[in-house]
Amino acid sequence: MGVRAYVLIQTEVGKAATVATKVAEIPGVVQAEDVTGPYDVIVQAEAETVDDLGKIVVSRVQLIEGITRTLTCPVVNL
């Protein structure tokens, strides 16, 4: 494991469960959970490099129908 991040996702109304299911199928996604609050789905993702992580988010996650916004939060080891 090189880079780990949490991706916070906002969805269209009523789409959270569908989005979480589709995101969970993407290689590199460890977990996708429906949540309540300002975000609808929280995803844990892992990749070898920051560039690979970006490709997962931009080329795979953001293309899923029903997603309106994402916020990627890389994990840091302090």
N, C-alpha and C. Protein backbone atom coordinates (compact mmCIF):
# COMPACT_ATOMS: atom_id res chain seq x y z
N MET A 1 0.85 -1.19 0.00
CA MET A 1 0.00 0.00 0.00
C MET A 1 0.89 1.24 0.00
N GLY A 2 0.69 2.12 -0.98
CA GLY A 2 1.45 3.34 -1.04
C GLY A 2 0.71 4.53 -0.49
N VAL A 3 -0.48 4.80 -1.02
CA VAL A 3 -1.27 5.97 -0.65
C VAL A 3 -2.68 5.52 -0.30
N ARG A 4 -3.19 6.10 0.78
CA ARG A 4 -4.55 5.79 1.20
C ARG A 4 -5.31 7.10 1.34
N ALA A 5 -6.60 7.10 1.01
CA ALA A 5 -7.40 8.32 1.11
C ALA A 5 -8.85 7.97 1.39
N TYR A 6 -9.55 8.95 1.94
CA TYR A 6 -10.99 8.88 2.08
C TYR A 6 -11.58 9.82 1.06
N VAL A 7 -12.59 9.35 0.34
CA VAL A 7 -13.27 10.17 -0.65
C VAL A 7 -14.69 10.40 -0.15
N LEU A 8 -15.02 11.65 0.08
CA LEU A 8 -16.35 12.03 0.54
C LEU A 8 -17.18 12.38 -0.68
N ILE A 9 -18.36 11.79 -0.79
CA ILE A 9 -19.17 11.92 -2.00
C ILE A 9 -20.55 12.48 -1.67
N GLN A 10 -20.95 13.48 -2.44
CA GLN A 10 -22.32 13.96 -2.40
C GLN A 10 -23.02 13.39 -3.62
N THR A 11 -24.27 12.97 -3.43
CA THR A 11 -25.03 12.37 -4.53
C THR A 11 -26.34 13.12 -4.75
N GLU A 12 -26.97 12.81 -5.85
CA GLU A 12 -28.33 13.27 -6.08
C GLU A 12 -29.23 12.61 -5.04
N VAL A 13 -30.34 13.23 -4.74
CA VAL A 13 -31.28 12.69 -3.75
C VAL A 13 -31.70 11.28 -4.16
N GLY A 14 -31.62 10.36 -3.20
CA GLY A 14 -32.06 8.99 -3.43
C GLY A 14 -31.05 8.10 -4.15
N LYS A 15 -29.85 8.58 -4.41
CA LYS A 15 -28.87 7.80 -5.18
C LYS A 15 -27.73 7.23 -4.33
N ALA A 16 -27.69 7.52 -3.04
CA ALA A 16 -26.55 7.13 -2.21
C ALA A 16 -26.29 5.62 -2.23
N ALA A 17 -27.31 4.82 -2.05
CA ALA A 17 -27.11 3.36 -1.99
C ALA A 17 -26.58 2.82 -3.32
N THR A 18 -27.13 3.30 -4.41
CA THR A 18 -26.69 2.86 -5.73
C THR A 18 -25.25 3.28 -5.99
N VAL A 19 -24.92 4.52 -5.64
CA VAL A 19 -23.56 5.02 -5.83
C VAL A 19 -22.58 4.20 -5.00
N ALA A 20 -22.90 3.95 -3.73
CA ALA A 20 -22.01 3.19 -2.86
C ALA A 20 -21.75 1.79 -3.43
N THR A 21 -22.77 1.16 -3.94
CA THR A 21 -22.62 -0.18 -4.51
C THR A 21 -21.71 -0.16 -5.73
N LYS A 22 -21.90 0.83 -6.61
CA LYS A 22 -21.08 0.92 -7.82
C LYS A 22 -19.64 1.28 -7.50
N VAL A 23 -19.45 2.20 -6.55
CA VAL A 23 -18.09 2.60 -6.17
C VAL A 23 -17.33 1.43 -5.56
N ALA A 24 -18.01 0.62 -4.76
CA ALA A 24 -17.37 -0.51 -4.09
C ALA A 24 -16.79 -1.51 -5.08
N GLU A 25 -17.26 -1.52 -6.32
CA GLU A 25 -16.79 -2.46 -7.33
C GLU A 25 -15.50 -2.00 -8.01
N ILE A 26 -15.08 -0.77 -7.77
CA ILE A 26 -13.89 -0.22 -8.44
C ILE A 26 -12.62 -0.78 -7.81
N PRO A 27 -11.69 -1.29 -8.61
CA PRO A 27 -10.42 -1.75 -8.06
C PRO A 27 -9.70 -0.60 -7.34
N GLY A 28 -9.20 -0.87 -6.16
CA GLY A 28 -8.55 0.15 -5.35
C GLY A 28 -9.44 0.68 -4.25
N VAL A 29 -10.74 0.46 -4.38
CA VAL A 29 -11.67 0.87 -3.33
C VAL A 29 -11.73 -0.24 -2.30
N VAL A 30 -11.40 0.11 -1.07
CA VAL A 30 -11.39 -0.85 0.04
C VAL A 30 -12.78 -0.98 0.65
N GLN A 31 -13.47 0.16 0.77
CA GLN A 31 -14.77 0.17 1.42
C GLN A 31 -15.57 1.37 0.93
N ALA A 32 -16.87 1.22 0.79
CA ALA A 32 -17.77 2.32 0.45
C ALA A 32 -19.00 2.20 1.34
N GLU A 33 -19.30 3.26 2.08
CA GLU A 33 -20.39 3.23 3.06
C GLU A 33 -21.36 4.38 2.82
N ASP A 34 -22.67 4.10 2.93
CA ASP A 34 -23.67 5.17 2.95
C ASP A 34 -23.60 5.81 4.33
N VAL A 35 -23.67 7.13 4.38
CA VAL A 35 -23.64 7.84 5.66
C VAL A 35 -24.69 8.95 5.64
N THR A 36 -24.93 9.54 6.81
CA THR A 36 -25.80 10.71 6.88
C THR A 36 -24.94 11.94 7.14
N GLY A 37 -25.49 13.10 6.90
CA GLY A 37 -24.76 14.34 7.10
C GLY A 37 -24.55 15.04 5.78
N PRO A 38 -23.54 15.91 5.71
CA PRO A 38 -23.34 16.69 4.48
C PRO A 38 -22.87 15.84 3.29
N TYR A 39 -22.32 14.66 3.57
CA TYR A 39 -21.91 13.75 2.49
C TYR A 39 -22.79 12.51 2.57
N ASP A 40 -22.95 11.85 1.43
CA ASP A 40 -23.86 10.71 1.34
C ASP A 40 -23.14 9.37 1.33
N VAL A 41 -21.90 9.36 0.84
CA VAL A 41 -21.10 8.14 0.77
C VAL A 41 -19.67 8.50 1.15
N ILE A 42 -19.05 7.64 1.96
CA ILE A 42 -17.63 7.79 2.27
C ILE A 42 -16.91 6.54 1.78
N VAL A 43 -15.82 6.77 1.06
CA VAL A 43 -15.07 5.69 0.43
C VAL A 43 -13.65 5.68 0.97
N GLN A 44 -13.13 4.50 1.26
CA GLN A 44 -11.71 4.34 1.56
C GLN A 44 -11.07 3.72 0.34
N ALA A 45 -10.01 4.37 -0.18
CA ALA A 45 -9.34 3.88 -1.38
C ALA A 45 -7.84 3.79 -1.14
N GLU A 46 -7.19 2.88 -1.85
CA GLU A 46 -5.74 2.70 -1.76
C GLU A 46 -5.17 2.58 -3.16
N ALA A 47 -3.95 3.12 -3.33
CA ALA A 47 -3.25 3.03 -4.61
C ALA A 47 -1.75 3.07 -4.34
N GLU A 48 -0.98 2.72 -5.34
CA GLU A 48 0.48 2.74 -5.20
C GLU A 48 1.04 4.15 -5.13
N THR A 49 0.49 5.06 -5.93
CA THR A 49 1.00 6.44 -5.98
C THR A 49 -0.16 7.42 -5.90
N VAL A 50 0.17 8.68 -5.66
CA VAL A 50 -0.85 9.74 -5.65
C VAL A 50 -1.50 9.84 -7.03
N ASP A 51 -0.70 9.71 -8.07
CA ASP A 51 -1.26 9.75 -9.43
C ASP A 51 -2.26 8.63 -9.66
N ASP A 52 -1.93 7.43 -9.20
CA ASP A 52 -2.86 6.31 -9.35
C ASP A 52 -4.14 6.55 -8.57
N LEU A 53 -4.01 7.13 -7.39
CA LEU A 53 -5.19 7.45 -6.59
C LEU A 53 -6.06 8.47 -7.33
N GLY A 54 -5.41 9.49 -7.89
CA GLY A 54 -6.16 10.48 -8.66
C GLY A 54 -6.89 9.88 -9.83
N LYS A 55 -6.27 8.91 -10.48
CA LYS A 55 -6.92 8.23 -11.61
C LYS A 55 -8.15 7.47 -11.16
N ILE A 56 -8.08 6.84 -10.00
CA ILE A 56 -9.25 6.13 -9.46
C ILE A 56 -10.40 7.12 -9.28
N VAL A 57 -10.10 8.26 -8.66
CA VAL A 57 -11.16 9.23 -8.36
C VAL A 57 -11.69 9.89 -9.63
N VAL A 58 -10.80 10.41 -10.45
CA VAL A 58 -11.23 11.18 -11.62
C VAL A 58 -11.75 10.29 -12.75
N SER A 59 -11.07 9.19 -13.02
CA SER A 59 -11.43 8.35 -14.17
C SER A 59 -12.47 7.29 -13.86
N ARG A 60 -12.68 7.01 -12.60
CA ARG A 60 -13.63 5.94 -12.26
C ARG A 60 -14.76 6.45 -11.38
N VAL A 61 -14.44 6.97 -10.21
CA VAL A 61 -15.47 7.36 -9.25
C VAL A 61 -16.34 8.49 -9.81
N GLN A 62 -15.74 9.56 -10.28
CA GLN A 62 -16.50 10.73 -10.70
C GLN A 62 -17.37 10.48 -11.92
N LEU A 63 -17.17 9.39 -12.61
CA LEU A 63 -17.98 9.07 -13.79
C LEU A 63 -19.27 8.33 -13.45
N ILE A 64 -19.44 7.96 -12.20
CA ILE A 64 -20.64 7.21 -11.80
C ILE A 64 -21.83 8.16 -11.77
N GLU A 65 -22.89 7.73 -12.41
CA GLU A 65 -24.11 8.52 -12.48
C GLU A 65 -24.69 8.73 -11.07
N GLY A 66 -25.08 9.94 -10.78
CA GLY A 66 -25.68 10.27 -9.49
C GLY A 66 -24.75 11.00 -8.56
N ILE A 67 -23.45 11.04 -8.87
CA ILE A 67 -22.50 11.76 -8.03
C ILE A 67 -22.50 13.23 -8.46
N THR A 68 -22.61 14.12 -7.48
CA THR A 68 -22.60 15.55 -7.78
C THR A 68 -21.30 16.22 -7.37
N ARG A 69 -20.60 15.66 -6.36
CA ARG A 69 -19.36 16.28 -5.89
C ARG A 69 -18.54 15.27 -5.10
N THR A 70 -17.21 15.39 -5.21
CA THR A 70 -16.32 14.56 -4.39
C THR A 70 -15.28 15.45 -3.70
N LEU A 71 -14.82 14.96 -2.57
CA LEU A 71 -13.73 15.60 -1.83
C LEU A 71 -12.78 14.50 -1.41
N THR A 72 -11.54 14.55 -1.89
CA THR A 72 -10.56 13.51 -1.59
C THR A 72 -9.67 13.97 -0.45
N CYS A 73 -9.55 13.12 0.59
CA CYS A 73 -8.77 13.44 1.78
C CYS A 73 -7.67 12.38 1.95
N PRO A 74 -6.45 12.67 1.48
CA PRO A 74 -5.37 11.70 1.63
C PRO A 74 -5.01 11.52 3.11
N VAL A 75 -4.66 10.31 3.46
CA VAL A 75 -4.22 9.99 4.82
C VAL A 75 -2.75 10.36 4.95
N VAL A 76 -2.40 11.02 6.05
CA VAL A 76 -1.00 11.35 6.33
C VAL A 76 -0.58 10.65 7.60
N ASN A 77 0.67 10.27 7.65
CA ASN A 77 1.20 9.61 8.85
C ASN A 77 2.10 10.61 9.56
N LEU A 78 1.59 11.19 10.63
CA LEU A 78 2.35 12.21 11.38
C LEU A 78 3.17 11.59 12.48
